[in-house]
Amino acid sequence: IIDPGHDFGKNTRHSLEATRRLPEMTATGFPVLVSLSNKDFVGETLDKPVDERLLGTLATTAVSAWLGAQVYRVHQVAQTREVLDMVASIRGTRPPAVARRGLA
């Protein structure tokens, strides 16, 4: 597993760059783990205290999933699961949970 180590020995710009470069890591064929929940780089990017970083964390999670991250260490499990399910459905790797509307 590759862990880019967001915030560990990095400043905010480094962690943002690590996120942008996730495709390079996933190209190795190894699974990539991201640990993003409430990180300082999210707080500094949005100027938010720890208890107000959920939306930034989920946005970063969605982008990371789109860029190929496969393993997540999270605090807000239910919200993160929804984000990951939505990204997978948009990518076409997960069908919608239900399809109630039909076209006439």
PDB file of N, CA and C in Angstrom:
ATOM      1  N   ILE A   1       0.859  -1.185   0.000  1.00  0.00           N
ATOM      2  CA  ILE A   1       0.000   0.000   0.000  1.00  0.00           C
ATOM      3  C   ILE A   1       0.892   1.231   0.000  1.00  0.00           C
ATOM      4  N   ILE A   2       0.527   2.187  -0.834  1.00  0.00           N
ATOM      5  CA  ILE A   2       1.217   3.479  -0.850  1.00  0.00           C
ATOM      6  C   ILE A   2       0.382   4.461  -0.037  1.00  0.00           C
ATOM      7  N   ASP A   3       1.029   5.145   0.890  1.00  0.00           N
ATOM      8  CA  ASP A   3       0.384   6.183   1.698  1.00  0.00           C
ATOM      9  C   ASP A   3       1.137   7.481   1.470  1.00  0.00           C
ATOM     10  N   PRO A   4       0.527   8.439   0.761  1.00  0.00           N
ATOM     11  CA  PRO A   4       1.219   9.698   0.533  1.00  0.00           C
ATOM     12  C   PRO A   4       1.429  10.510   1.806  1.00  0.00           C
ATOM     13  N   GLY A   5       0.795  10.120   2.895  1.00  0.00           N
ATOM     14  CA  GLY A   5       1.032  10.763   4.187  1.00  0.00           C
ATOM     15  C   GLY A   5       0.652  12.226   4.228  1.00  0.00           C
ATOM     16  N   HIS A   6      -0.580  12.518   3.842  1.00  0.00           N
ATOM     17  CA  HIS A   6      -1.046  13.903   3.907  1.00  0.00           C
ATOM     18  C   HIS A   6      -0.744  14.494   5.286  1.00  0.00           C
ATOM     19  N   ASP A   7      -0.159  15.675   5.298  1.00  0.00           N
ATOM     20  CA  ASP A   7       0.206  16.459   6.484  1.00  0.00           C
ATOM     21  C   ASP A   7       1.445  15.953   7.215  1.00  0.00           C
ATOM     22  N   PHE A   8       1.870  14.731   7.045  1.00  0.00           N
ATOM     23  CA  PHE A   8       3.013  14.222   7.793  1.00  0.00           C
ATOM     24  C   PHE A   8       4.314  14.667   7.133  1.00  0.00           C
ATOM     25  N   GLY A   9       5.006  15.591   7.796  1.00  0.00           N
ATOM     26  CA  GLY A   9       6.226  16.147   7.247  1.00  0.00           C
ATOM     27  C   GLY A   9       5.981  17.012   6.022  1.00  0.00           C
ATOM     28  N   LYS A  10       4.760  17.491   5.884  1.00  0.00           N
ATOM     29  CA  LYS A  10       4.385  18.289   4.722  1.00  0.00           C
ATOM     30  C   LYS A  10       3.614  19.528   5.169  1.00  0.00           C
ATOM     31  N   ASN A  11       3.711  20.575   4.357  1.00  0.00           N
ATOM     32  CA  ASN A  11       2.841  21.717   4.601  1.00  0.00           C
ATOM     33  C   ASN A  11       1.596  21.559   3.728  1.00  0.00           C
ATOM     34  N   THR A  12       0.713  22.522   3.799  1.00  0.00           N
ATOM     35  CA  THR A  12      -0.546  22.440   3.058  1.00  0.00           C
ATOM     36  C   THR A  12      -0.327  22.314   1.563  1.00  0.00           C
ATOM     37  N   ARG A  13       0.582  23.082   1.022  1.00  0.00           N
ATOM     38  CA  ARG A  13       0.842  22.998  -0.424  1.00  0.00           C
ATOM     39  C   ARG A  13       1.356  21.617  -0.824  1.00  0.00           C
ATOM     40  N   HIS A  14       2.196  21.023   0.016  1.00  0.00           N
ATOM     41  CA  HIS A  14       2.690  19.671  -0.271  1.00  0.00           C
ATOM     42  C   HIS A  14       1.543  18.661  -0.286  1.00  0.00           C
ATOM     43  N   SER A  15       0.643  18.753   0.689  1.00  0.00           N
ATOM     44  CA  SER A  15      -0.473  17.805   0.761  1.00  0.00           C
ATOM     45  C   SER A  15      -1.426  17.977  -0.416  1.00  0.00           C
ATOM     46  N   LEU A  16      -1.650  19.215  -0.844  1.00  0.00           N
ATOM     47  CA  LEU A  16      -2.484  19.449  -2.029  1.00  0.00           C
ATOM     48  C   LEU A  16      -1.811  18.851  -3.267  1.00  0.00           C
ATOM     49  N   GLU A  17      -0.509  19.016  -3.380  1.00  0.00           N
ATOM     50  CA  GLU A  17       0.229  18.454  -4.515  1.00  0.00           C
ATOM     51  C   GLU A  17       0.198  16.930  -4.483  1.00  0.00           C
ATOM     52  N   ALA A  18       0.331  16.346  -3.293  1.00  0.00           N
ATOM     53  CA  ALA A  18       0.253  14.882  -3.175  1.00  0.00           C
ATOM     54  C   ALA A  18      -1.099  14.389  -3.666  1.00  0.00           C
ATOM     55  N   THR A  19      -2.155  15.128  -3.360  1.00  0.00           N
ATOM     56  CA  THR A  19      -3.492  14.749  -3.823  1.00  0.00           C
ATOM     57  C   THR A  19      -3.570  14.833  -5.348  1.00  0.00           C
ATOM     58  N   ARG A  20      -3.075  15.912  -5.911  1.00  0.00           N
ATOM     59  CA  ARG A  20      -3.086  16.056  -7.371  1.00  0.00           C
ATOM     60  C   ARG A  20      -2.296  14.956  -8.063  1.00  0.00           C
ATOM     61  N   ARG A  21      -1.295  14.418  -7.390  1.00  0.00           N
ATOM     62  CA  ARG A  21      -0.410  13.425  -8.003  1.00  0.00           C
ATOM     63  C   ARG A  21      -0.800  11.977  -7.678  1.00  0.00           C
ATOM     64  N   LEU A  22      -1.969  11.780  -7.109  1.00  0.00           N
ATOM     65  CA  LEU A  22      -2.420  10.417  -6.823  1.00  0.00           C
ATOM     66  C   LEU A  22      -2.392   9.498  -8.041  1.00  0.00           C
ATOM     67  N   PRO A  23      -2.730   9.980  -9.248  1.00  0.00           N
ATOM     68  CA  PRO A  23      -2.666   9.083 -10.404  1.00  0.00           C
ATOM     69  C   PRO A  23      -1.276   8.479 -10.629  1.00  0.00           C
ATOM     70  N   GLU A  24      -0.233   9.220 -10.301  1.00  0.00           N
ATOM     71  CA  GLU A  24       1.116   8.672 -10.435  1.00  0.00           C
ATOM     72  C   GLU A  24       1.320   7.506  -9.480  1.00  0.00           C
ATOM     73  N   MET A  25       0.760   7.633  -8.288  1.00  0.00           N
ATOM     74  CA  MET A  25       0.892   6.566  -7.294  1.00  0.00           C
ATOM     75  C   MET A  25       0.059   5.351  -7.680  1.00  0.00           C
ATOM     76  N   THR A  26      -1.163   5.580  -8.137  1.00  0.00           N
ATOM     77  CA  THR A  26      -2.011   4.449  -8.510  1.00  0.00           C
ATOM     78  C   THR A  26      -1.475   3.737  -9.745  1.00  0.00           C
ATOM     79  N   ALA A  27      -0.738   4.449 -10.576  1.00  0.00           N
ATOM     80  CA  ALA A  27      -0.170   3.843 -11.785  1.00  0.00           C
ATOM     81  C   ALA A  27       0.849   2.755 -11.465  1.00  0.00           C
ATOM     82  N   THR A  28       1.353   2.724 -10.233  1.00  0.00           N
ATOM     83  CA  THR A  28       2.311   1.691  -9.845  1.00  0.00           C
ATOM     84  C   THR A  28       1.658   0.321  -9.714  1.00  0.00           C
ATOM     85  N   GLY A  29       0.315   0.315  -9.591  1.00  0.00           N
ATOM     86  CA  GLY A  29      -0.400  -0.938  -9.394  1.00  0.00           C
ATOM     87  C   GLY A  29      -0.633  -1.278  -7.935  1.00  0.00           C
ATOM     88  N   PHE A  30       0.013  -0.555  -7.035  1.00  0.00           N
ATOM     89  CA  PHE A  30      -0.217  -0.760  -5.605  1.00  0.00           C
ATOM     90  C   PHE A  30      -1.448   0.032  -5.176  1.00  0.00           C
ATOM     91  N   PRO A  31      -2.230  -0.493  -4.219  1.00  0.00           N
ATOM     92  CA  PRO A  31      -3.349   0.307  -3.703  1.00  0.00           C
ATOM     93  C   PRO A  31      -2.815   1.545  -2.978  1.00  0.00           C
ATOM     94  N   VAL A  32      -3.562   2.636  -3.104  1.00  0.00           N
ATOM     95  CA  VAL A  32      -3.177   3.895  -2.459  1.00  0.00           C
ATOM     96  C   VAL A  32      -4.146   4.187  -1.329  1.00  0.00           C
ATOM     97  N   LEU A  33      -3.586   4.457  -0.158  1.00  0.00           N
ATOM     98  CA  LEU A  33      -4.353   4.784   1.035  1.00  0.00           C
ATOM     99  C   LEU A  33      -4.298   6.288   1.254  1.00  0.00           C
ATOM    100  N   VAL A  34      -5.440   6.891   1.543  1.00  0.00           N
ATOM    101  CA  VAL A  34      -5.452   8.300   1.925  1.00  0.00           C
ATOM    102  C   VAL A  34      -6.122   8.440   3.285  1.00  0.00           C
ATOM    103  N   SER A  35      -5.527   9.263   4.097  1.00  0.00           N
ATOM    104  CA  SER A  35      -6.059   9.581   5.421  1.00  0.00           C
ATOM    105  C   SER A  35      -6.290  11.082   5.427  1.00  0.00           C
ATOM    106  N   LEU A  36      -7.538  11.485   5.238  1.00  0.00           N
ATOM    107  CA  LEU A  36      -7.851  12.885   4.977  1.00  0.00           C
ATOM    108  C   LEU A  36      -8.686  13.564   6.052  1.00  0.00           C
ATOM    109  N   SER A  37      -9.356  12.791   6.886  1.00  0.00           N
ATOM    110  CA  SER A  37     -10.335  13.343   7.826  1.00  0.00           C
ATOM    111  C   SER A  37      -9.776  14.454   8.690  1.00  0.00           C
ATOM    112  N   ASN A  38     -10.361  15.623   8.511  1.00  0.00           N
ATOM    113  CA  ASN A  38     -10.097  16.778   9.369  1.00  0.00           C
ATOM    114  C   ASN A  38      -8.645  17.218   9.392  1.00  0.00           C
ATOM    115  N   LYS A  39      -7.897  16.889   8.358  1.00  0.00           N
ATOM    116  CA  LYS A  39      -6.466  17.211   8.334  1.00  0.00           C
ATOM    117  C   LYS A  39      -6.242  18.717   8.305  1.00  0.00           C
ATOM    118  N   ASP A  40      -5.059  19.106   8.783  1.00  0.00           N
ATOM    119  CA  ASP A  40      -4.702  20.519   8.801  1.00  0.00           C
ATOM    120  C   ASP A  40      -4.715  21.130   7.407  1.00  0.00           C
ATOM    121  N   PHE A  41      -4.292  20.373   6.386  1.00  0.00           N
ATOM    122  CA  PHE A  41      -4.271  20.963   5.043  1.00  0.00           C
ATOM    123  C   PHE A  41      -5.676  21.319   4.578  1.00  0.00           C
ATOM    124  N   VAL A  42      -6.686  20.559   5.002  1.00  0.00           N
ATOM    125  CA  VAL A  42      -8.074  20.893   4.685  1.00  0.00           C
ATOM    126  C   VAL A  42      -8.456  22.177   5.430  1.00  0.00           C
ATOM    127  N   GLY A  43      -8.136  22.228   6.707  1.00  0.00           N
ATOM    128  CA  GLY A  43      -8.451  23.404   7.510  1.00  0.00           C
ATOM    129  C   GLY A  43      -7.761  24.662   7.017  1.00  0.00           C
ATOM    130  N   GLU A  44      -6.482  24.537   6.669  1.00  0.00           N
ATOM    131  CA  GLU A  44      -5.750  25.706   6.194  1.00  0.00           C
ATOM    132  C   GLU A  44      -6.227  26.139   4.808  1.00  0.00           C
ATOM    133  N   THR A  45      -6.553  25.187   3.957  1.00  0.00           N
ATOM    134  CA  THR A  45      -7.028  25.525   2.619  1.00  0.00           C
ATOM    135  C   THR A  45      -8.332  26.307   2.687  1.00  0.00           C
ATOM    136  N   LEU A  46      -9.219  25.903   3.586  1.00  0.00           N
ATOM    137  CA  LEU A  46     -10.535  26.533   3.698  1.00  0.00           C
ATOM    138  C   LEU A  46     -10.643  27.517   4.858  1.00  0.00           C
ATOM    139  N   ASP A  47      -9.577  27.632   5.648  1.00  0.00           N
ATOM    140  CA  ASP A  47      -9.574  28.458   6.860  1.00  0.00           C
ATOM    141  C   ASP A  47     -10.702  28.051   7.799  1.00  0.00           C
ATOM    142  N   LYS A  48     -10.707  26.756   8.157  1.00  0.00           N
ATOM    143  CA  LYS A  48     -11.745  26.195   9.019  1.00  0.00           C
ATOM    144  C   LYS A  48     -11.109  25.486  10.211  1.00  0.00           C
ATOM    145  N   PRO A  49     -11.748  25.601  11.396  1.00  0.00           N
ATOM    146  CA  PRO A  49     -11.271  24.835  12.545  1.00  0.00           C
ATOM    147  C   PRO A  49     -11.637  23.352  12.375  1.00  0.00           C
ATOM    148  N   VAL A  50     -11.058  22.514  13.202  1.00  0.00           N
ATOM    149  CA  VAL A  50     -11.238  21.061  13.087  1.00  0.00           C
ATOM    150  C   VAL A  50     -12.702  20.656  12.999  1.00  0.00           C
ATOM    151  N   ASP A  51     -13.556  21.245  13.806  1.00  0.00           N
ATOM    152  CA  ASP A  51     -14.957  20.820  13.842  1.00  0.00           C
ATOM    153  C   ASP A  51     -15.781  21.323  12.655  1.00  0.00           C
ATOM    154  N   GLU A  52     -15.160  22.035  11.716  1.00  0.00           N
ATOM    155  CA  GLU A  52     -15.865  22.532  10.529  1.00  0.00           C
ATOM    156  C   GLU A  52     -15.200  22.057   9.229  1.00  0.00           C
ATOM    157  N   ARG A  53     -14.523  20.924   9.274  1.00  0.00           N
ATOM    158  CA  ARG A  53     -13.772  20.458   8.111  1.00  0.00           C
ATOM    159  C   ARG A  53     -14.432  19.304   7.357  1.00  0.00           C
ATOM    160  N   LEU A  54     -15.647  18.923   7.735  1.00  0.00           N
ATOM    161  CA  LEU A  54     -16.292  17.772   7.103  1.00  0.00           C
ATOM    162  C   LEU A  54     -16.464  17.965   5.596  1.00  0.00           C
ATOM    163  N   LEU A  55     -17.020  19.098   5.176  1.00  0.00           N
ATOM    164  CA  LEU A  55     -17.257  19.298   3.739  1.00  0.00           C
ATOM    165  C   LEU A  55     -15.955  19.288   2.948  1.00  0.00           C
ATOM    166  N   GLY A  56     -14.934  19.929   3.465  1.00  0.00           N
ATOM    167  CA  GLY A  56     -13.640  19.920   2.794  1.00  0.00           C
ATOM    168  C   GLY A  56     -13.042  18.524   2.747  1.00  0.00           C
ATOM    169  N   THR A  57     -13.201  17.779   3.824  1.00  0.00           N
ATOM    170  CA  THR A  57     -12.719  16.403   3.867  1.00  0.00           C
ATOM    171  C   THR A  57     -13.446  15.546   2.836  1.00  0.00           C
ATOM    172  N   LEU A  58     -14.768  15.695   2.757  1.00  0.00           N
ATOM    173  CA  LEU A  58     -15.543  14.894   1.804  1.00  0.00           C
ATOM    174  C   LEU A  58     -15.239  15.285   0.359  1.00  0.00           C
ATOM    175  N   ALA A  59     -15.013  16.565   0.111  1.00  0.00           N
ATOM    176  CA  ALA A  59     -14.632  16.993  -1.233  1.00  0.00           C
ATOM    177  C   ALA A  59     -13.287  16.381  -1.619  1.00  0.00           C
ATOM    178  N   THR A  60     -12.351  16.395  -0.699  1.00  0.00           N
ATOM    179  CA  THR A  60     -11.034  15.818  -0.957  1.00  0.00           C
ATOM    180  C   THR A  60     -11.134  14.313  -1.142  1.00  0.00           C
ATOM    181  N   THR A  61     -12.017  13.679  -0.399  1.00  0.00           N
ATOM    182  CA  THR A  61     -12.248  12.241  -0.545  1.00  0.00           C
ATOM    183  C   THR A  61     -12.796  11.924  -1.930  1.00  0.00           C
ATOM    184  N   ALA A  62     -13.763  12.720  -2.389  1.00  0.00           N
ATOM    185  CA  ALA A  62     -14.345  12.494  -3.712  1.00  0.00           C
ATOM    186  C   ALA A  62     -13.286  12.630  -4.802  1.00  0.00           C
ATOM    187  N   VAL A  63     -12.483  13.662  -4.724  1.00  0.00           N
ATOM    188  CA  VAL A  63     -11.429  13.867  -5.720  1.00  0.00           C
ATOM    189  C   VAL A  63     -10.421  12.719  -5.654  1.00  0.00           C
ATOM    190  N   SER A  64     -10.046  12.321  -4.454  1.00  0.00           N
ATOM    191  CA  SER A  64      -9.083  11.228  -4.287  1.00  0.00           C
ATOM    192  C   SER A  64      -9.621   9.927  -4.863  1.00  0.00           C
ATOM    193  N   ALA A  65     -10.903   9.669  -4.651  1.00  0.00           N
ATOM    194  CA  ALA A  65     -11.520   8.467  -5.220  1.00  0.00           C
ATOM    195  C   ALA A  65     -11.506   8.537  -6.737  1.00  0.00           C
ATOM    196  N   TRP A  66     -11.847   9.690  -7.277  1.00  0.00           N
ATOM    197  CA  TRP A  66     -11.858   9.857  -8.730  1.00  0.00           C
ATOM    198  C   TRP A  66     -10.458   9.654  -9.304  1.00  0.00           C
ATOM    199  N   LEU A  67      -9.436  10.071  -8.542  1.00  0.00           N
ATOM    200  CA  LEU A  67      -8.052   9.949  -9.007  1.00  0.00           C
ATOM    201  C   LEU A  67      -7.458   8.568  -8.737  1.00  0.00           C
ATOM    202  N   GLY A  68      -8.230   7.673  -8.095  1.00  0.00           N
ATOM    203  CA  GLY A  68      -7.792   6.292  -7.980  1.00  0.00           C
ATOM    204  C   GLY A  68      -7.446   5.769  -6.609  1.00  0.00           C
ATOM    205  N   ALA A  69      -7.523   6.596  -5.569  1.00  0.00           N
ATOM    206  CA  ALA A  69      -7.261   6.069  -4.221  1.00  0.00           C
ATOM    207  C   ALA A  69      -8.243   4.941  -3.934  1.00  0.00           C
ATOM    208  N   GLN A  70      -7.797   3.926  -3.204  1.00  0.00           N
ATOM    209  CA  GLN A  70      -8.631   2.748  -2.958  1.00  0.00           C
ATOM    210  C   GLN A  70      -8.866   2.443  -1.487  1.00  0.00           C
ATOM    211  N   VAL A  71      -8.042   2.986  -0.602  1.00  0.00           N
ATOM    212  CA  VAL A  71      -8.146   2.685   0.827  1.00  0.00           C
ATOM    213  C   VAL A  71      -8.265   4.017   1.565  1.00  0.00           C
ATOM    214  N   TYR A  72      -9.171   4.076   2.528  1.00  0.00           N
ATOM    215  CA  TYR A  72      -9.458   5.327   3.223  1.00  0.00           C
ATOM    216  C   TYR A  72      -9.448   5.109   4.728  1.00  0.00           C
ATOM    217  N   ARG A  73      -8.765   5.994   5.450  1.00  0.00           N
ATOM    218  CA  ARG A  73      -8.872   6.023   6.906  1.00  0.00           C
ATOM    219  C   ARG A  73      -9.697   7.259   7.217  1.00  0.00           C
ATOM    220  N   VAL A  74     -10.837   7.045   7.887  1.00  0.00           N
ATOM    221  CA  VAL A  74     -11.793   8.141   8.057  1.00  0.00           C
ATOM    222  C   VAL A  74     -12.348   8.201   9.471  1.00  0.00           C
ATOM    223  N   HIS A  75     -12.900   9.341   9.802  1.00  0.00           N
ATOM    224  CA  HIS A  75     -13.642   9.512  11.053  1.00  0.00           C
ATOM    225  C   HIS A  75     -15.147   9.450  10.801  1.00  0.00           C
ATOM    226  N   GLN A  76     -15.613  10.092   9.747  1.00  0.00           N
ATOM    227  CA  GLN A  76     -17.031  10.153   9.435  1.00  0.00           C
ATOM    228  C   GLN A  76     -17.351   9.047   8.420  1.00  0.00           C
ATOM    229  N   VAL A  77     -17.559   7.844   8.936  1.00  0.00           N
ATOM    230  CA  VAL A  77     -17.675   6.656   8.086  1.00  0.00           C
ATOM    231  C   VAL A  77     -18.904   6.716   7.180  1.00  0.00           C
ATOM    232  N   ALA A  78     -20.071   6.999   7.726  1.00  0.00           N
ATOM    233  CA  ALA A  78     -21.300   6.976   6.925  1.00  0.00           C
ATOM    234  C   ALA A  78     -21.254   8.008   5.799  1.00  0.00           C
ATOM    235  N   GLN A  79     -20.825   9.219   6.113  1.00  0.00           N
ATOM    236  CA  GLN A  79     -20.763  10.265   5.092  1.00  0.00           C
ATOM    237  C   GLN A  79     -19.727   9.922   4.021  1.00  0.00           C
ATOM    238  N   THR A  80     -18.604   9.389   4.442  1.00  0.00           N
ATOM    239  CA  THR A  80     -17.562   9.009   3.488  1.00  0.00           C
ATOM    240  C   THR A  80     -18.040   7.884   2.581  1.00  0.00           C
ATOM    241  N   ARG A  81     -18.755   6.911   3.152  1.00  0.00           N
ATOM    242  CA  ARG A  81     -19.275   5.801   2.354  1.00  0.00           C
ATOM    243  C   ARG A  81     -20.210   6.320   1.266  1.00  0.00           C
ATOM    244  N   GLU A  82     -21.065   7.281   1.607  1.00  0.00           N
ATOM    245  CA  GLU A  82     -21.973   7.855   0.607  1.00  0.00           C
ATOM    246  C   GLU A  82     -21.208   8.540  -0.515  1.00  0.00           C
ATOM    247  N   VAL A  83     -20.194   9.302  -0.151  1.00  0.00           N
ATOM    248  CA  VAL A  83     -19.378   9.986  -1.157  1.00  0.00           C
ATOM    249  C   VAL A  83     -18.717   8.961  -2.068  1.00  0.00           C
ATOM    250  N   LEU A  84     -18.128   7.922  -1.496  1.00  0.00           N
ATOM    251  CA  LEU A  84     -17.451   6.900  -2.293  1.00  0.00           C
ATOM    252  C   LEU A  84     -18.432   6.145  -3.184  1.00  0.00           C
ATOM    253  N   ASP A  85     -19.624   5.864  -2.674  1.00  0.00           N
ATOM    254  CA  ASP A  85     -20.640   5.199  -3.492  1.00  0.00           C
ATOM    255  C   ASP A  85     -21.060   6.083  -4.661  1.00  0.00           C
ATOM    256  N   MET A  86     -21.224   7.366  -4.410  1.00  0.00           N
ATOM    257  CA  MET A  86     -21.632   8.281  -5.479  1.00  0.00           C
ATOM    258  C   MET A  86     -20.561   8.388  -6.547  1.00  0.00           C
ATOM    259  N   VAL A  87     -19.309   8.513  -6.123  1.00  0.00           N
ATOM    260  CA  VAL A  87     -18.209   8.585  -7.086  1.00  0.00           C
ATOM    261  C   VAL A  87     -18.160   7.305  -7.916  1.00  0.00           C
ATOM    262  N   ALA A  88     -18.303   6.152  -7.269  1.00  0.00           N
ATOM    263  CA  ALA A  88     -18.271   4.878  -7.994  1.00  0.00           C
ATOM    264  C   ALA A  88     -19.423   4.784  -8.993  1.00  0.00           C
ATOM    265  N   SER A  89     -20.587   5.295  -8.630  1.00  0.00           N
ATOM    266  CA  SER A  89     -21.722   5.264  -9.557  1.00  0.00           C
ATOM    267  C   SER A  89     -21.490   6.187 -10.747  1.00  0.00           C
ATOM    268  N   ILE A  90     -20.919   7.349 -10.511  1.00  0.00           N
ATOM    269  CA  ILE A  90     -20.604   8.263 -11.603  1.00  0.00           C
ATOM    270  C   ILE A  90     -19.565   7.631 -12.531  1.00  0.00           C
ATOM    271  N   ARG A  91     -18.585   6.949 -11.951  1.00  0.00           N
ATOM    272  CA  ARG A  91     -17.540   6.274 -12.749  1.00  0.00           C
ATOM    273  C   ARG A  91     -18.085   5.084 -13.528  1.00  0.00           C
ATOM    274  N   GLY A  92     -19.211   4.551 -13.075  1.00  0.00           N
ATOM    275  CA  GLY A  92     -19.784   3.388 -13.735  1.00  0.00           C
ATOM    276  C   GLY A  92     -19.344   2.066 -13.150  1.00  0.00           C
ATOM    277  N   THR A  93     -18.748   2.092 -11.973  1.00  0.00           N
ATOM    278  CA  THR A  93     -18.302   0.860 -11.331  1.00  0.00           C
ATOM    279  C   THR A  93     -19.259   0.387 -10.242  1.00  0.00           C
ATOM    280  N   ARG A  94     -20.336   1.118 -10.033  1.00  0.00           N
ATOM    281  CA  ARG A  94     -21.364   0.753  -9.056  1.00  0.00           C
ATOM    282  C   ARG A  94     -22.704   1.181  -9.618  1.00  0.00           C
ATOM    283  N   PRO A  95     -23.666   0.272  -9.673  1.00  0.00           N
ATOM    284  CA  PRO A  95     -24.988   0.677 -10.155  1.00  0.00           C
ATOM    285  C   PRO A  95     -25.708   1.505  -9.088  1.00  0.00           C
ATOM    286  N   PRO A  96     -26.691   2.298  -9.490  1.00  0.00           N
ATOM    287  CA  PRO A  96     -27.506   2.999  -8.495  1.00  0.00           C
ATOM    288  C   PRO A  96     -28.151   1.996  -7.540  1.00  0.00           C
ATOM    289  N   ALA A  97     -28.342   2.387  -6.289  1.00  0.00           N
ATOM    290  CA  ALA A  97     -28.952   1.499  -5.300  1.00  0.00           C
ATOM    291  C   ALA A  97     -30.369   1.127  -5.698  1.00  0.00           C
ATOM    292  N   VAL A  98     -31.110   2.076  -6.262  1.00  0.00           N
ATOM    293  CA  VAL A  98     -32.462   1.833  -6.759  1.00  0.00           C
ATOM    294  C   VAL A  98     -32.680   2.675  -8.006  1.00  0.00           C
ATOM    295  N   ALA A  99     -33.636   2.279  -8.812  1.00  0.00           N
ATOM    296  CA  ALA A  99     -34.008   3.083  -9.986  1.00  0.00           C
ATOM    297  C   ALA A  99     -35.530   3.065 -10.049  1.00  0.00           C
ATOM    298  N   ARG A 100     -36.147   4.107  -9.478  1.00  0.00           N
ATOM    299  CA  ARG A 100     -37.610   4.152  -9.364  1.00  0.00           C
ATOM    300  C   ARG A 100     -38.289   4.851 -10.536  1.00  0.00           C
ATOM    301  N   ARG A 101     -37.594   5.748 -11.167  1.00  0.00           N
ATOM    302  CA  ARG A 101     -38.204   6.531 -12.240  1.00  0.00           C
ATOM    303  C   ARG A 101     -38.024   5.801 -13.555  1.00  0.00           C
ATOM    304  N   GLY A 102     -39.103   5.640 -14.265  1.00  0.00           N
ATOM    305  CA  GLY A 102     -39.037   5.022 -15.587  1.00  0.00           C
ATOM    306  C   GLY A 102     -39.332   6.057 -16.645  1.00  0.00           C
ATOM    307  N   LEU A 103     -38.908   5.800 -17.827  1.00  0.00           N
ATOM    308  CA  LEU A 103     -39.188   6.704 -18.935  1.00  0.00           C
ATOM    309  C   LEU A 103     -40.293   6.086 -19.768  1.00  0.00           C
ATOM    310  N   ALA A 104     -41.274   6.902 -20.105  1.00  0.00           N
ATOM    311  CA  ALA A 104     -42.406   6.406 -20.899  1.00  0.00           C
ATOM    312  C   ALA A 104     -42.093   6.367 -22.355  1.00  0.00           C
TER     313      ALA A 104
END
